[in-house]
Amino acid sequence: MKLQVVGEPCPKCHALAVHAGVALRGLGLDVPVEEIEDPSQISALDGLTMPALILDGRVVSSGKVLSSPEIEALLAEAVRASLIGAG
């Protein structure tokens, strides 16, 4: 599992990264939150509104700060889908 927060260094982007970390810990997942703040990397992700949350290469949120419970639900769904796909 790969979780990325995309956005310039700003309070909203930082808050999204913090909420993502709380959600990961809440599910007992030992996954780092990668923060993409480099303008050249951000411009390569054309069309995103900041902050954005990317889970396993798929944009799951753009333009809003999700709460920890909202992110936890997305992560739990991804874990369930990977377990189903592995079976």
N, C-alpha and C. Protein backbone atom coordinates (compact mmCIF):
# COMPACT_ATOMS: atom_id res chain seq x y z
N MET A 1 0.86 -1.18 0.00
CA MET A 1 0.00 0.00 0.00
C MET A 1 0.89 1.23 0.00
N LYS A 2 0.49 2.20 -0.82
CA LYS A 2 1.24 3.45 -0.91
C LYS A 2 0.25 4.60 -0.75
N LEU A 3 0.56 5.51 0.18
CA LEU A 3 -0.32 6.64 0.45
C LEU A 3 0.48 7.93 0.28
N GLN A 4 -0.05 8.83 -0.56
CA GLN A 4 0.64 10.08 -0.85
C GLN A 4 -0.30 11.26 -0.64
N VAL A 5 0.27 12.33 -0.07
CA VAL A 5 -0.44 13.60 0.07
C VAL A 5 0.27 14.57 -0.87
N VAL A 6 -0.49 15.19 -1.75
CA VAL A 6 0.07 16.10 -2.74
C VAL A 6 -0.36 17.52 -2.43
N GLY A 7 0.61 18.43 -2.38
CA GLY A 7 0.31 19.83 -2.18
C GLY A 7 1.51 20.60 -1.70
N GLU A 8 1.40 21.90 -1.84
CA GLU A 8 2.46 22.78 -1.38
C GLU A 8 2.50 22.74 0.15
N PRO A 9 3.64 23.11 0.73
CA PRO A 9 3.68 23.18 2.20
C PRO A 9 2.69 24.24 2.70
N CYS A 10 1.55 23.80 3.18
CA CYS A 10 0.52 24.71 3.69
C CYS A 10 -0.24 24.01 4.82
N PRO A 11 -0.97 24.76 5.62
CA PRO A 11 -1.70 24.15 6.74
C PRO A 11 -2.69 23.05 6.31
N LYS A 12 -3.41 23.24 5.21
CA LYS A 12 -4.39 22.23 4.78
C LYS A 12 -3.69 20.94 4.35
N CYS A 13 -2.59 21.08 3.61
CA CYS A 13 -1.85 19.90 3.15
C CYS A 13 -1.25 19.16 4.34
N HIS A 14 -0.72 19.92 5.28
CA HIS A 14 -0.15 19.30 6.49
C HIS A 14 -1.24 18.59 7.28
N ALA A 15 -2.40 19.22 7.40
CA ALA A 15 -3.51 18.60 8.14
C ALA A 15 -3.93 17.28 7.49
N LEU A 16 -3.98 17.24 6.16
CA LEU A 16 -4.35 16.01 5.47
C LEU A 16 -3.32 14.91 5.75
N ALA A 17 -2.04 15.28 5.75
CA ALA A 17 -0.99 14.29 6.05
C ALA A 17 -1.12 13.77 7.48
N VAL A 18 -1.42 14.65 8.42
CA VAL A 18 -1.59 14.25 9.81
C VAL A 18 -2.80 13.32 9.93
N HIS A 19 -3.91 13.69 9.31
CA HIS A 19 -5.12 12.85 9.36
C HIS A 19 -4.86 11.48 8.74
N ALA A 20 -4.08 11.45 7.66
CA ALA A 20 -3.75 10.16 7.03
C ALA A 20 -2.93 9.29 7.98
N GLY A 21 -1.97 9.89 8.67
CA GLY A 21 -1.17 9.15 9.64
C GLY A 21 -2.01 8.58 10.77
N VAL A 22 -2.95 9.37 11.26
CA VAL A 22 -3.84 8.92 12.33
C VAL A 22 -4.70 7.75 11.83
N ALA A 23 -5.20 7.86 10.60
CA ALA A 23 -6.02 6.79 10.03
C ALA A 23 -5.22 5.50 9.88
N LEU A 24 -4.00 5.62 9.41
CA LEU A 24 -3.14 4.43 9.25
C LEU A 24 -2.91 3.75 10.60
N ARG A 25 -2.57 4.55 11.60
CA ARG A 25 -2.34 3.99 12.94
C ARG A 25 -3.62 3.37 13.50
N GLY A 26 -4.77 3.99 13.21
CA GLY A 26 -6.04 3.47 13.69
C GLY A 26 -6.35 2.08 13.15
N LEU A 27 -5.84 1.81 11.96
CA LEU A 27 -6.04 0.49 11.35
C LEU A 27 -4.88 -0.45 11.60
N GLY A 28 -3.87 0.04 12.32
CA GLY A 28 -2.70 -0.79 12.61
C GLY A 28 -1.82 -1.03 11.39
N LEU A 29 -1.87 -0.11 10.42
CA LEU A 29 -1.06 -0.25 9.21
C LEU A 29 0.25 0.51 9.36
N ASP A 30 1.33 -0.17 9.07
CA ASP A 30 2.66 0.45 9.16
C ASP A 30 3.07 0.90 7.76
N VAL A 31 2.45 1.98 7.32
CA VAL A 31 2.69 2.53 5.99
C VAL A 31 3.05 4.00 6.14
N PRO A 32 4.15 4.42 5.53
CA PRO A 32 4.50 5.85 5.63
C PRO A 32 3.59 6.69 4.74
N VAL A 33 3.39 7.93 5.14
CA VAL A 33 2.67 8.90 4.32
C VAL A 33 3.72 9.70 3.56
N GLU A 34 3.71 9.57 2.25
CA GLU A 34 4.65 10.32 1.42
C GLU A 34 4.02 11.66 1.07
N GLU A 35 4.75 12.73 1.37
CA GLU A 35 4.25 14.07 1.04
C GLU A 35 4.96 14.56 -0.21
N ILE A 36 4.20 14.85 -1.24
CA ILE A 36 4.75 15.35 -2.50
C ILE A 36 4.54 16.86 -2.51
N GLU A 37 5.64 17.59 -2.35
CA GLU A 37 5.59 19.05 -2.29
C GLU A 37 6.40 19.71 -3.39
N ASP A 38 7.16 18.94 -4.14
CA ASP A 38 8.01 19.47 -5.20
C ASP A 38 7.14 19.95 -6.36
N PRO A 39 7.26 21.23 -6.74
CA PRO A 39 6.42 21.77 -7.81
C PRO A 39 6.50 20.98 -9.12
N SER A 40 7.66 20.46 -9.48
CA SER A 40 7.76 19.71 -10.73
C SER A 40 7.00 18.38 -10.64
N GLN A 41 7.01 17.74 -9.47
CA GLN A 41 6.23 16.51 -9.29
C GLN A 41 4.74 16.82 -9.29
N ILE A 42 4.37 17.92 -8.66
CA ILE A 42 2.96 18.30 -8.59
C ILE A 42 2.44 18.61 -9.99
N SER A 43 3.22 19.34 -10.78
CA SER A 43 2.75 19.69 -12.12
C SER A 43 2.61 18.46 -13.01
N ALA A 44 3.36 17.40 -12.73
CA ALA A 44 3.24 16.16 -13.49
C ALA A 44 1.91 15.46 -13.20
N LEU A 45 1.30 15.79 -12.08
CA LEU A 45 -0.01 15.22 -11.70
C LEU A 45 -1.10 16.19 -12.13
N ASP A 46 -1.13 16.48 -13.39
CA ASP A 46 -1.99 17.48 -14.00
C ASP A 46 -3.45 17.35 -13.57
N GLY A 47 -4.03 18.48 -13.22
CA GLY A 47 -5.47 18.51 -12.96
C GLY A 47 -5.90 18.31 -11.52
N LEU A 48 -4.96 18.15 -10.61
CA LEU A 48 -5.34 17.97 -9.20
C LEU A 48 -5.54 19.31 -8.51
N THR A 49 -6.52 19.37 -7.64
CA THR A 49 -6.71 20.52 -6.76
C THR A 49 -6.09 20.13 -5.43
N MET A 50 -5.30 21.02 -4.87
CA MET A 50 -4.59 20.71 -3.63
C MET A 50 -5.47 21.02 -2.42
N PRO A 51 -5.31 20.26 -1.37
CA PRO A 51 -4.50 19.06 -1.24
C PRO A 51 -5.18 17.87 -1.90
N ALA A 52 -4.36 16.89 -2.25
CA ALA A 52 -4.90 15.68 -2.85
C ALA A 52 -4.35 14.47 -2.11
N LEU A 53 -5.13 13.41 -2.12
CA LEU A 53 -4.73 12.16 -1.48
C LEU A 53 -4.72 11.08 -2.55
N ILE A 54 -3.59 10.39 -2.67
CA ILE A 54 -3.43 9.33 -3.67
C ILE A 54 -3.17 8.02 -2.93
N LEU A 55 -3.97 7.03 -3.24
CA LEU A 55 -3.84 5.71 -2.63
C LEU A 55 -3.53 4.70 -3.72
N ASP A 56 -2.36 4.10 -3.62
CA ASP A 56 -1.92 3.11 -4.61
C ASP A 56 -2.05 3.62 -6.04
N GLY A 57 -1.63 4.88 -6.26
CA GLY A 57 -1.62 5.46 -7.59
C GLY A 57 -2.95 6.00 -8.08
N ARG A 58 -3.97 5.92 -7.25
CA ARG A 58 -5.31 6.39 -7.63
C ARG A 58 -5.70 7.58 -6.76
N VAL A 59 -6.12 8.67 -7.39
CA VAL A 59 -6.55 9.85 -6.65
C VAL A 59 -7.88 9.52 -5.96
N VAL A 60 -7.88 9.60 -4.63
CA VAL A 60 -9.11 9.29 -3.88
C VAL A 60 -9.75 10.55 -3.30
N SER A 61 -9.00 11.65 -3.32
CA SER A 61 -9.55 12.92 -2.85
C SER A 61 -8.73 14.05 -3.44
N SER A 62 -9.42 15.11 -3.85
CA SER A 62 -8.74 16.27 -4.42
C SER A 62 -9.50 17.52 -4.01
N GLY A 63 -8.76 18.46 -3.42
CA GLY A 63 -9.35 19.75 -3.08
C GLY A 63 -10.01 19.86 -1.74
N LYS A 64 -9.84 18.84 -0.88
CA LYS A 64 -10.42 18.95 0.46
C LYS A 64 -9.58 18.19 1.47
N VAL A 65 -9.72 18.59 2.71
CA VAL A 65 -9.02 17.92 3.80
C VAL A 65 -9.96 16.89 4.40
N LEU A 66 -9.71 15.63 4.07
CA LEU A 66 -10.52 14.55 4.65
C LEU A 66 -10.19 14.39 6.13
N SER A 67 -11.18 13.97 6.89
CA SER A 67 -10.95 13.68 8.30
C SER A 67 -10.28 12.31 8.43
N SER A 68 -9.74 12.04 9.60
CA SER A 68 -9.13 10.73 9.85
C SER A 68 -10.12 9.59 9.64
N PRO A 69 -11.37 9.69 10.14
CA PRO A 69 -12.33 8.61 9.90
C PRO A 69 -12.65 8.41 8.41
N GLU A 70 -12.70 9.50 7.65
CA GLU A 70 -12.95 9.37 6.20
C GLU A 70 -11.81 8.62 5.52
N ILE A 71 -10.58 8.96 5.89
CA ILE A 71 -9.42 8.30 5.30
C ILE A 71 -9.36 6.85 5.76
N GLU A 72 -9.68 6.62 7.01
CA GLU A 72 -9.68 5.25 7.54
C GLU A 72 -10.66 4.38 6.76
N ALA A 73 -11.81 4.92 6.40
CA ALA A 73 -12.79 4.16 5.62
C ALA A 73 -12.24 3.82 4.24
N LEU A 74 -11.56 4.77 3.60
CA LEU A 74 -10.95 4.52 2.29
C LEU A 74 -9.87 3.43 2.38
N LEU A 75 -9.06 3.53 3.44
CA LEU A 75 -7.99 2.55 3.63
C LEU A 75 -8.55 1.16 3.92
N ALA A 76 -9.57 1.10 4.76
CA ALA A 76 -10.18 -0.19 5.10
C ALA A 76 -10.77 -0.83 3.85
N GLU A 77 -11.39 -0.03 3.00
CA GLU A 77 -11.95 -0.54 1.75
C GLU A 77 -10.84 -1.08 0.84
N ALA A 78 -9.72 -0.37 0.77
CA ALA A 78 -8.60 -0.82 -0.05
C ALA A 78 -8.00 -2.12 0.48
N VAL A 79 -7.93 -2.23 1.79
CA VAL A 79 -7.40 -3.47 2.39
C VAL A 79 -8.34 -4.63 2.09
N ARG A 80 -9.65 -4.42 2.26
CA ARG A 80 -10.64 -5.46 1.96
C ARG A 80 -10.54 -5.87 0.48
N ALA A 81 -10.43 -4.91 -0.40
CA ALA A 81 -10.35 -5.21 -1.84
C ALA A 81 -9.08 -6.01 -2.16
N SER A 82 -7.99 -5.69 -1.49
CA SER A 82 -6.74 -6.43 -1.77
C SER A 82 -6.83 -7.85 -1.23
N LEU A 83 -7.54 -8.03 -0.11
CA LEU A 83 -7.71 -9.37 0.44
C LEU A 83 -8.63 -10.21 -0.45
N ILE A 84 -9.66 -9.59 -0.98
CA ILE A 84 -10.58 -10.29 -1.87
C ILE A 84 -9.86 -10.67 -3.16
N GLY A 85 -9.08 -9.71 -3.69
CA GLY A 85 -8.35 -9.95 -4.93
C GLY A 85 -7.27 -11.01 -4.78
N ALA A 86 -6.74 -11.16 -3.55
CA ALA A 86 -5.67 -12.12 -3.30
C ALA A 86 -6.24 -13.54 -3.13
N GLY A 87 -7.55 -13.61 -2.84
CA GLY A 87 -8.16 -14.89 -2.55
C GLY A 87 -8.56 -15.57 -3.77
